[in-house]
């Protein structure tokens, strides 16, 4: 998998976490391992991938992450169902 990804994880407590990465599989594993995952997901494992989109460059991924994080939970769920 090449490129940059923006993703949404569903945590064990049903909350949603949004992030970006250049290696989606590795990043999800890091979230579930707890070592290099985000502080937010460390206490909410296991997490599962519920949404991902590919971006053409890191800058686009960062901007898209910010856009998604600003959405309400309802809008994120609509996007996931998409």
Protein backbone atom coordinates (compact mmCIF):
# COMPACT_ATOMS: atom_id res chain seq x y z
CA UNK A 1 0.00 0.00 0.00
CA UNK A 2 1.67 3.19 -1.17
CA UNK A 3 0.49 6.72 -0.56
CA UNK A 4 -0.98 8.53 2.40
CA UNK A 5 -4.18 7.55 4.16
CA UNK A 6 -6.70 9.25 6.38
CA UNK A 7 -8.53 6.73 8.51
CA UNK A 8 -11.18 6.39 11.17
CA UNK A 9 -10.97 3.73 13.86
CA UNK A 10 -13.77 2.52 16.07
CA UNK A 11 -12.48 1.96 19.58
CA UNK A 12 -13.73 -0.69 22.00
CA UNK A 13 -15.86 1.95 23.78
CA UNK A 14 -17.52 2.81 20.42
CA UNK A 15 -15.77 6.18 20.15
CA UNK A 16 -14.17 7.19 16.86
CA UNK A 17 -10.55 8.15 16.32
CA UNK A 18 -9.27 9.87 13.16
CA UNK A 19 -5.65 9.86 12.01
CA UNK A 20 -3.37 9.73 9.00
CA UNK A 21 -0.47 7.51 7.97
CA UNK A 22 1.66 6.36 5.07
CA UNK A 23 1.35 2.70 6.11
CA UNK A 24 -2.22 1.83 7.07
CA UNK A 25 -1.74 -1.79 8.14
CA UNK A 26 1.30 -0.97 10.29
CA UNK A 27 -0.45 1.99 11.92
CA UNK A 28 -3.53 0.00 12.90
CA UNK A 29 -1.26 -2.65 14.40
CA UNK A 30 0.57 0.07 16.36
CA UNK A 31 -2.74 1.34 17.74
CA UNK A 32 -3.65 -2.18 18.86
CA UNK A 33 -0.21 -2.97 20.27
CA UNK A 34 -0.29 0.18 22.36
CA UNK A 35 3.40 1.07 22.10
CA UNK A 36 3.37 3.59 19.27
CA UNK A 37 -0.36 4.12 19.01
CA UNK A 38 -2.04 7.37 19.93
CA UNK A 39 -2.50 8.10 23.61
CA UNK A 40 -6.26 8.23 23.00
CA UNK A 41 -6.46 4.67 21.69
CA UNK A 42 -4.15 3.07 24.29
CA UNK A 43 -6.93 2.68 26.83
CA UNK A 44 -9.61 1.93 24.23
CA UNK A 45 -8.22 -1.19 22.57
CA UNK A 46 -8.87 -3.11 20.52
CA UNK A 47 -9.56 -0.71 17.68
CA UNK A 48 -10.89 -1.58 14.26
CA UNK A 49 -10.63 0.23 10.96
CA UNK A 50 -14.04 1.50 9.82
CA UNK A 51 -13.04 4.02 7.13
CA UNK A 52 -10.01 4.93 5.03
CA UNK A 53 -9.33 7.10 2.05
CA UNK A 54 -6.13 7.55 0.08
CA UNK A 55 -4.60 10.97 -0.47
CA UNK A 56 -2.08 12.02 -3.10
CA UNK A 57 0.41 13.57 -0.66
CA UNK A 58 1.08 14.11 3.03
CA UNK A 59 -0.20 17.69 2.91
CA UNK A 60 -3.54 16.54 1.50
CA UNK A 61 -3.80 13.83 4.17
CA UNK A 62 -3.14 16.31 6.97
CA UNK A 63 -5.75 18.75 5.64
CA UNK A 64 -8.30 15.97 5.21
CA UNK A 65 -7.66 14.72 8.76
CA UNK A 66 -8.42 18.20 10.11
CA UNK A 67 -11.62 18.37 8.03
CA UNK A 68 -12.83 15.02 9.33
CA UNK A 69 -11.96 15.80 12.95
CA UNK A 70 -14.17 18.91 12.74
CA UNK A 71 -17.21 16.82 11.71
CA UNK A 72 -19.82 15.78 14.24
CA UNK A 73 -20.03 12.12 15.21
CA UNK A 74 -23.21 11.84 13.16
CA UNK A 75 -21.52 13.18 10.03
CA UNK A 76 -18.59 10.80 10.55
CA UNK A 77 -20.99 7.86 10.85
CA UNK A 78 -22.72 8.94 7.63
CA UNK A 79 -19.33 9.08 5.91
CA UNK A 80 -18.46 5.60 7.21
CA UNK A 81 -21.75 4.15 5.95
CA UNK A 82 -21.12 6.06 2.72
